[in-house]
Amino acid sequence: MSKRRLKFSKLNMAKFISHLDLMRCFQRAIMRSGLPVEYSQGFNPHQRMTFALPLPVGVTGEGEFADISFEDGKVTDEEIKERLNKNLPPDIQVLSVGDLIFKAADIVCAEYTMKLYSDKKIDTEKIKEFFGKDEVIVMKRNKKKVEKPINIMEYIRAWEVIDETERTLTLRLVLDAGGERNLKPEIVAAKICEGDENMCADDADICRTKIFCRSGDVLELFR
């Protein structure tokens, strides 16, 4: 058995595909391509496939990851990429296939671009004031589905304005992500737009551009 790490993009209309449907999409593409995928044992065998950090619905991704097990020695990485891309929709495409370097448990944060729209001129100073706050409280469910208040400012590692026009503003954000601490970018968008009748968080274009993991005392790109 050979487990391979697939890096893929999930863009445009694919942002509306849920994580469960994304898994089904890959499963169908593998079956149509005839790739020699490994199956689990037992009464309900399924393809051996895991995803590193599922995307929220409505968020695109330039570099997402799936680990899939194939029968050892029967297919090359380039064949996996080519045969899957022929059977995947255009908005979901495999970018590369290779070895597993880091574990999904090593993931600690992710980078996003967030494009906000306004019916009127955007007050950039107001955006800067938001990120200058020490505390912004939201209610968040933990793994036991119990809601508790958290300060989202403690989950924002970095931010900057990377582009702006009169009615649009593009931000770069680095947010905690992974099993230990996680902040969804749409929560940040909702708090930025809160109380502003000219901006709606639902209209924001959000894309995850990079995933980082901890390697010793430094952060490295997940791969």
C-alpha atoms as a PDB file:
ATOM      1  CA  MET A   1       0.000   0.000   0.000  1.00  0.00           C
ATOM      2  CA  SER A   2       1.288   3.480  -0.909  1.00  0.00           C
ATOM      3  CA  LYS A   3      -0.308   6.524   0.657  1.00  0.00           C
ATOM      4  CA  ARG A   4       0.030   9.621  -1.499  1.00  0.00           C
ATOM      5  CA  ARG A   5      -0.641  13.255  -0.610  1.00  0.00           C
ATOM      6  CA  LEU A   6      -2.661  15.131  -3.228  1.00  0.00           C
ATOM      7  CA  LYS A   7      -2.569  18.921  -3.341  1.00  0.00           C
ATOM      8  CA  PHE A   8      -5.626  20.297  -5.112  1.00  0.00           C
ATOM      9  CA  SER A   9      -7.532  23.515  -5.755  1.00  0.00           C
ATOM     10  CA  LYS A  10     -11.216  24.112  -4.994  1.00  0.00           C
ATOM     11  CA  LEU A  11     -12.228  27.302  -6.779  1.00  0.00           C
ATOM     12  CA  ASN A  12     -15.147  29.283  -8.220  1.00  0.00           C
ATOM     13  CA  MET A  13     -18.494  27.446  -7.926  1.00  0.00           C
ATOM     14  CA  ALA A  14     -16.841  24.531  -6.110  1.00  0.00           C
ATOM     15  CA  LYS A  15     -16.919  26.700  -2.963  1.00  0.00           C
ATOM     16  CA  PHE A  16     -20.573  25.682  -2.562  1.00  0.00           C
ATOM     17  CA  ILE A  17     -19.677  21.966  -2.377  1.00  0.00           C
ATOM     18  CA  SER A  18     -19.759  20.638   1.180  1.00  0.00           C
ATOM     19  CA  HIS A  19     -16.934  18.545   2.597  1.00  0.00           C
ATOM     20  CA  LEU A  20     -19.036  15.366   2.371  1.00  0.00           C
ATOM     21  CA  ASP A  21     -19.868  16.066  -1.283  1.00  0.00           C
ATOM     22  CA  LEU A  22     -16.187  16.808  -1.959  1.00  0.00           C
ATOM     23  CA  MET A  23     -15.285  13.361  -0.650  1.00  0.00           C
ATOM     24  CA  ARG A  24     -17.946  11.808  -2.863  1.00  0.00           C
ATOM     25  CA  CYS A  25     -16.619  13.787  -5.817  1.00  0.00           C
ATOM     26  CA  PHE A  26     -13.126  12.329  -5.338  1.00  0.00           C
ATOM     27  CA  GLN A  27     -14.512   8.828  -4.775  1.00  0.00           C
ATOM     28  CA  ARG A  28     -16.458   8.951  -8.041  1.00  0.00           C
ATOM     29  CA  ALA A  29     -13.459  10.404  -9.922  1.00  0.00           C
ATOM     30  CA  ILE A  30     -11.250   7.571  -8.652  1.00  0.00           C
ATOM     31  CA  MET A  31     -13.770   4.933  -9.722  1.00  0.00           C
ATOM     32  CA  ARG A  32     -14.225   6.490 -13.190  1.00  0.00           C
ATOM     33  CA  SER A  33     -10.457   6.801 -13.666  1.00  0.00           C
ATOM     34  CA  GLY A  34      -9.852   3.154 -12.777  1.00  0.00           C
ATOM     35  CA  LEU A  35      -7.059   4.029 -10.360  1.00  0.00           C
ATOM     36  CA  PRO A  36      -6.000   1.116  -8.081  1.00  0.00           C
ATOM     37  CA  VAL A  37      -7.198   2.643  -4.809  1.00  0.00           C
ATOM     38  CA  GLU A  38      -6.974   0.703  -1.543  1.00  0.00           C
ATOM     39  CA  TYR A  39     -10.168  -0.139   0.369  1.00  0.00           C
ATOM     40  CA  SER A  40     -10.700  -0.637   4.085  1.00  0.00           C
ATOM     41  CA  GLN A  41     -11.559  -4.062   5.479  1.00  0.00           C
ATOM     42  CA  GLY A  42     -14.837  -5.156   7.030  1.00  0.00           C
ATOM     43  CA  PHE A  43     -18.524  -5.319   6.086  1.00  0.00           C
ATOM     44  CA  ASN A  44     -18.615  -1.791   4.629  1.00  0.00           C
ATOM     45  CA  PRO A  45     -15.331  -1.264   2.735  1.00  0.00           C
ATOM     46  CA  HIS A  46     -14.554   2.277   1.631  1.00  0.00           C
ATOM     47  CA  GLN A  47     -11.710   4.019  -0.137  1.00  0.00           C
ATOM     48  CA  ARG A  48      -8.839   4.950   2.168  1.00  0.00           C
ATOM     49  CA  MET A  49      -9.021   8.720   1.969  1.00  0.00           C
ATOM     50  CA  THR A  50      -8.610  11.588   4.453  1.00  0.00           C
ATOM     51  CA  PHE A  51      -8.568  15.378   4.069  1.00  0.00           C
ATOM     52  CA  ALA A  52      -6.155  17.542   6.061  1.00  0.00           C
ATOM     53  CA  LEU A  53      -8.297  20.583   6.910  1.00  0.00           C
ATOM     54  CA  PRO A  54     -11.840  20.679   5.493  1.00  0.00           C
ATOM     55  CA  LEU A  55     -12.916  24.010   4.002  1.00  0.00           C
ATOM     56  CA  PRO A  56     -16.098  25.731   5.181  1.00  0.00           C
ATOM     57  CA  VAL A  57     -18.842  25.970   2.559  1.00  0.00           C
ATOM     58  CA  GLY A  58     -18.493  29.263   0.680  1.00  0.00           C
ATOM     59  CA  VAL A  59     -14.689  29.425   0.997  1.00  0.00           C
ATOM     60  CA  THR A  60     -12.377  28.571  -1.906  1.00  0.00           C
ATOM     61  CA  GLY A  61      -8.931  26.997  -1.564  1.00  0.00           C
ATOM     62  CA  GLU A  62      -5.790  27.345  -3.676  1.00  0.00           C
ATOM     63  CA  GLY A  63      -3.872  24.549  -1.964  1.00  0.00           C
ATOM     64  CA  GLU A  64      -5.947  21.870  -0.213  1.00  0.00           C
ATOM     65  CA  PHE A  65      -4.758  18.372   0.711  1.00  0.00           C
ATOM     66  CA  ALA A  66      -6.098  14.833   0.586  1.00  0.00           C
ATOM     67  CA  ASP A  67      -4.260  11.627   1.537  1.00  0.00           C
ATOM     68  CA  ILE A  68      -5.293   8.616  -0.558  1.00  0.00           C
ATOM     69  CA  SER A  69      -3.905   5.055  -0.458  1.00  0.00           C
ATOM     70  CA  PHE A  70      -3.206   3.253  -3.725  1.00  0.00           C
ATOM     71  CA  GLU A  71      -1.982  -0.278  -4.428  1.00  0.00           C
ATOM     72  CA  ASP A  72       1.796  -0.156  -4.188  1.00  0.00           C
ATOM     73  CA  GLY A  73       3.763   0.078  -7.429  1.00  0.00           C
ATOM     74  CA  LYS A  74       0.779   0.007  -9.787  1.00  0.00           C
ATOM     75  CA  VAL A  75       0.514   3.715 -10.598  1.00  0.00           C
ATOM     76  CA  THR A  76       2.837   6.731 -10.720  1.00  0.00           C
ATOM     77  CA  ASP A  77       2.193  10.141  -9.162  1.00  0.00           C
ATOM     78  CA  GLU A  78       1.859  11.732 -12.595  1.00  0.00           C
ATOM     79  CA  GLU A  79      -0.701   9.104 -13.653  1.00  0.00           C
ATOM     80  CA  ILE A  80      -2.737   9.771 -10.526  1.00  0.00           C
ATOM     81  CA  LYS A  81      -2.765  13.499 -11.277  1.00  0.00           C
ATOM     82  CA  GLU A  82      -3.627  13.153 -14.972  1.00  0.00           C
ATOM     83  CA  ARG A  83      -6.317  10.498 -14.585  1.00  0.00           C
ATOM     84  CA  LEU A  84      -8.033  12.268 -11.706  1.00  0.00           C
ATOM     85  CA  ASN A  85      -8.051  15.664 -13.434  1.00  0.00           C
ATOM     86  CA  LYS A  86      -9.772  14.103 -16.450  1.00  0.00           C
ATOM     87  CA  ASN A  87     -12.596  12.951 -14.165  1.00  0.00           C
ATOM     88  CA  LEU A  88     -12.856  15.845 -11.714  1.00  0.00           C
ATOM     89  CA  PRO A  89     -14.907  18.997 -12.415  1.00  0.00           C
ATOM     90  CA  PRO A  90     -12.936  22.002 -13.773  1.00  0.00           C
ATOM     91  CA  ASP A  91     -13.208  23.895 -10.469  1.00  0.00           C
ATOM     92  CA  ILE A  92     -11.549  21.020  -8.565  1.00  0.00           C
ATOM     93  CA  GLN A  93      -8.147  20.045  -9.932  1.00  0.00           C
ATOM     94  CA  VAL A  94      -5.148  18.121  -8.570  1.00  0.00           C
ATOM     95  CA  LEU A  95      -2.023  20.299  -8.561  1.00  0.00           C
ATOM     96  CA  SER A  96       0.558  17.760  -7.403  1.00  0.00           C
ATOM     97  CA  VAL A  97       0.969  14.271  -5.919  1.00  0.00           C
ATOM     98  CA  GLY A  98       3.785  13.272  -3.589  1.00  0.00           C
ATOM     99  CA  ASP A  99       4.990  11.909  -0.274  1.00  0.00           C
ATOM    100  CA  LEU A 100       3.515  12.815   3.100  1.00  0.00           C
ATOM    101  CA  ILE A 101       5.936  15.182   4.836  1.00  0.00           C
ATOM    102  CA  PHE A 102       3.878  16.460   7.775  1.00  0.00           C
ATOM    103  CA  LYS A 103       0.920  15.106   9.731  1.00  0.00           C
ATOM    104  CA  ALA A 104      -2.463  16.817   9.708  1.00  0.00           C
ATOM    105  CA  ALA A 105      -2.101  17.066  13.502  1.00  0.00           C
ATOM    106  CA  ASP A 106       0.876  19.405  12.930  1.00  0.00           C
ATOM    107  CA  ILE A 107      -1.328  22.104  11.316  1.00  0.00           C
ATOM    108  CA  VAL A 108      -1.555  25.250  13.439  1.00  0.00           C
ATOM    109  CA  CYS A 109      -2.715  28.095  11.178  1.00  0.00           C
ATOM    110  CA  ALA A 110      -3.822  29.079   7.682  1.00  0.00           C
ATOM    111  CA  GLU A 111      -3.610  32.127   5.439  1.00  0.00           C
ATOM    112  CA  TYR A 112      -6.672  33.610   3.742  1.00  0.00           C
ATOM    113  CA  THR A 113      -7.488  36.450   1.397  1.00  0.00           C
ATOM    114  CA  MET A 114     -10.785  38.163   2.146  1.00  0.00           C
ATOM    115  CA  LYS A 115     -12.426  40.594  -0.274  1.00  0.00           C
ATOM    116  CA  LEU A 116     -15.117  42.795   1.263  1.00  0.00           C
ATOM    117  CA  TYR A 117     -17.638  44.839  -0.694  1.00  0.00           C
ATOM    118  CA  SER A 118     -19.568  47.963   0.275  1.00  0.00           C
ATOM    119  CA  ASP A 119     -22.438  49.970  -1.235  1.00  0.00           C
ATOM    120  CA  LYS A 120     -20.557  53.116  -0.292  1.00  0.00           C
ATOM    121  CA  LYS A 121     -16.943  54.177   0.181  1.00  0.00           C
ATOM    122  CA  ILE A 122     -15.168  51.818   2.598  1.00  0.00           C
ATOM    123  CA  ASP A 123     -13.795  53.416   5.732  1.00  0.00           C
ATOM    124  CA  THR A 124     -10.355  51.809   5.905  1.00  0.00           C
ATOM    125  CA  GLU A 125      -9.635  53.459   9.253  1.00  0.00           C
ATOM    126  CA  LYS A 126     -12.658  51.676  10.718  1.00  0.00           C
ATOM    127  CA  ILE A 127     -11.216  48.336   9.544  1.00  0.00           C
ATOM    128  CA  LYS A 128      -7.878  49.183  11.154  1.00  0.00           C
ATOM    129  CA  GLU A 129      -9.668  50.111  14.378  1.00  0.00           C
ATOM    130  CA  PHE A 130     -11.331  46.689  14.392  1.00  0.00           C
ATOM    131  CA  PHE A 131      -8.015  44.852  14.201  1.00  0.00           C
ATOM    132  CA  GLY A 132      -6.586  47.158  16.845  1.00  0.00           C
ATOM    133  CA  LYS A 133      -9.078  45.946  19.437  1.00  0.00           C
ATOM    134  CA  ASP A 134      -7.870  43.795  22.295  1.00  0.00           C
ATOM    135  CA  GLU A 135     -11.125  41.881  22.570  1.00  0.00           C
ATOM    136  CA  VAL A 136     -13.956  40.822  20.259  1.00  0.00           C
ATOM    137  CA  ILE A 137     -16.184  38.178  21.840  1.00  0.00           C
ATOM    138  CA  VAL A 138     -18.203  35.571  19.944  1.00  0.00           C
ATOM    139  CA  MET A 139     -19.929  32.383  21.040  1.00  0.00           C
ATOM    140  CA  LYS A 140     -18.215  29.262  19.715  1.00  0.00           C
ATOM    141  CA  ARG A 141     -19.074  25.582  20.071  1.00  0.00           C
ATOM    142  CA  ASN A 142     -16.343  23.284  21.362  1.00  0.00           C
ATOM    143  CA  LYS A 143     -15.865  19.612  20.462  1.00  0.00           C
ATOM    144  CA  LYS A 144     -18.532  18.669  23.006  1.00  0.00           C
ATOM    145  CA  LYS A 145     -20.984  21.021  21.191  1.00  0.00           C
ATOM    146  CA  VAL A 146     -21.092  23.321  24.209  1.00  0.00           C
ATOM    147  CA  GLU A 147     -21.139  27.034  23.399  1.00  0.00           C
ATOM    148  CA  LYS A 148     -18.696  29.267  25.208  1.00  0.00           C
ATOM    149  CA  PRO A 149     -17.434  32.827  24.658  1.00  0.00           C
ATOM    150  CA  ILE A 150     -14.047  33.275  22.985  1.00  0.00           C
ATOM    151  CA  ASN A 151     -11.980  36.334  22.127  1.00  0.00           C
ATOM    152  CA  ILE A 152     -11.326  35.993  18.393  1.00  0.00           C
ATOM    153  CA  MET A 153      -8.483  38.520  18.516  1.00  0.00           C
ATOM    154  CA  GLU A 154      -6.425  35.836  20.253  1.00  0.00           C
ATOM    155  CA  TYR A 155      -6.881  33.621  17.172  1.00  0.00           C
ATOM    156  CA  ILE A 156      -5.742  36.205  14.600  1.00  0.00           C
ATOM    157  CA  ARG A 157      -1.985  35.854  14.051  1.00  0.00           C
ATOM    158  CA  ALA A 158      -1.539  38.491  11.337  1.00  0.00           C
ATOM    159  CA  TRP A 159      -3.501  40.805   9.063  1.00  0.00           C
ATOM    160  CA  GLU A 160      -2.868  43.432   6.419  1.00  0.00           C
ATOM    161  CA  VAL A 161      -4.681  45.369   3.699  1.00  0.00           C
ATOM    162  CA  ILE A 162      -3.289  44.171   0.360  1.00  0.00           C
ATOM    163  CA  ASP A 163      -5.610  46.023  -2.027  1.00  0.00           C
ATOM    164  CA  GLU A 164      -8.342  48.633  -1.855  1.00  0.00           C
ATOM    165  CA  THR A 165     -10.626  50.623  -4.105  1.00  0.00           C
ATOM    166  CA  GLU A 166     -13.469  52.916  -3.192  1.00  0.00           C
ATOM    167  CA  ARG A 167     -15.962  50.100  -2.579  1.00  0.00           C
ATOM    168  CA  THR A 168     -13.794  46.994  -2.154  1.00  0.00           C
ATOM    169  CA  LEU A 169     -11.143  46.020   0.348  1.00  0.00           C
ATOM    170  CA  THR A 170      -8.907  42.949   0.193  1.00  0.00           C
ATOM    171  CA  LEU A 171      -7.320  41.650   3.384  1.00  0.00           C
ATOM    172  CA  ARG A 172      -4.692  39.029   4.081  1.00  0.00           C
ATOM    173  CA  LEU A 173      -5.364  37.119   7.291  1.00  0.00           C
ATOM    174  CA  VAL A 174      -3.475  34.413   9.151  1.00  0.00           C
ATOM    175  CA  LEU A 175      -5.801  32.594  11.542  1.00  0.00           C
ATOM    176  CA  ASP A 176      -5.373  29.720  13.954  1.00  0.00           C
ATOM    177  CA  ALA A 177      -6.457  26.463  12.299  1.00  0.00           C
ATOM    178  CA  GLY A 178      -6.256  22.797  13.168  1.00  0.00           C
ATOM    179  CA  GLY A 179      -7.347  20.474  15.921  1.00  0.00           C
ATOM    180  CA  GLU A 180      -6.275  22.552  18.929  1.00  0.00           C
ATOM    181  CA  ARG A 181      -7.383  26.083  17.970  1.00  0.00           C
ATOM    182  CA  ASN A 182      -9.474  27.095  14.998  1.00  0.00           C
ATOM    183  CA  LEU A 183     -11.152  30.285  13.812  1.00  0.00           C
ATOM    184  CA  LYS A 184     -13.295  30.324  10.677  1.00  0.00           C
ATOM    185  CA  PRO A 185     -12.669  33.346   8.444  1.00  0.00           C
ATOM    186  CA  GLU A 186     -16.390  33.947   7.956  1.00  0.00           C
ATOM    187  CA  ILE A 187     -16.660  34.724  11.687  1.00  0.00           C
ATOM    188  CA  VAL A 188     -14.057  37.472  11.234  1.00  0.00           C
ATOM    189  CA  ALA A 189     -15.952  38.808   8.203  1.00  0.00           C
ATOM    190  CA  ALA A 190     -19.213  38.859  10.191  1.00  0.00           C
ATOM    191  CA  LYS A 191     -17.671  40.860  13.033  1.00  0.00           C
ATOM    192  CA  ILE A 192     -16.020  43.331  10.644  1.00  0.00           C
ATOM    193  CA  CYS A 193     -19.338  43.976   8.890  1.00  0.00           C
ATOM    194  CA  GLU A 194     -21.398  44.009  12.079  1.00  0.00           C
ATOM    195  CA  GLY A 195     -23.329  47.261  12.444  1.00  0.00           C
ATOM    196  CA  ASP A 196     -22.406  48.495   8.956  1.00  0.00           C
ATOM    197  CA  GLU A 197     -25.526  48.574   6.783  1.00  0.00           C
ATOM    198  CA  ASN A 198     -23.406  49.048   3.638  1.00  0.00           C
ATOM    199  CA  MET A 199     -21.395  45.838   4.072  1.00  0.00           C
ATOM    200  CA  CYS A 200     -22.623  42.242   4.222  1.00  0.00           C
ATOM    201  CA  ALA A 201     -20.379  39.393   5.358  1.00  0.00           C
ATOM    202  CA  ASP A 202     -22.300  36.960   3.135  1.00  0.00           C
ATOM    203  CA  ASP A 203     -21.013  38.855   0.072  1.00  0.00           C
ATOM    204  CA  ALA A 204     -17.352  38.461   1.054  1.00  0.00           C
ATOM    205  CA  ASP A 205     -15.053  36.438  -1.220  1.00  0.00           C
ATOM    206  CA  ILE A 206     -12.793  34.300   0.971  1.00  0.00           C
ATOM    207  CA  CYS A 207      -9.991  32.053  -0.265  1.00  0.00           C
ATOM    208  CA  ARG A 208      -7.588  29.904   1.749  1.00  0.00           C
ATOM    209  CA  THR A 209      -4.192  30.359   0.134  1.00  0.00           C
ATOM    210  CA  LYS A 210      -1.767  28.528   2.446  1.00  0.00           C
ATOM    211  CA  ILE A 211      -1.745  26.049   5.322  1.00  0.00           C
ATOM    212  CA  PHE A 212       1.040  26.111   7.897  1.00  0.00           C
ATOM    213  CA  CYS A 213       2.266  23.512  10.374  1.00  0.00           C
ATOM    214  CA  ARG A 214       4.722  23.573  13.222  1.00  0.00           C
ATOM    215  CA  SER A 215       8.088  21.968  12.624  1.00  0.00           C
ATOM    216  CA  GLY A 216      10.129  22.303  15.792  1.00  0.00           C
ATOM    217  CA  ASP A 217      10.125  25.971  16.724  1.00  0.00           C
ATOM    218  CA  VAL A 218       9.265  27.302  13.254  1.00  0.00           C
ATOM    219  CA  LEU A 219       6.270  27.345  10.915  1.00  0.00           C
ATOM    220  CA  GLU A 220       6.504  25.628   7.542  1.00  0.00           C
ATOM    221  CA  LEU A 221       4.115  25.232   4.633  1.00  0.00           C
ATOM    222  CA  PHE A 222       2.091  22.060   5.003  1.00  0.00           C
ATOM    223  CA  ARG A 223       3.014  19.445   2.410  1.00  0.00           C
END
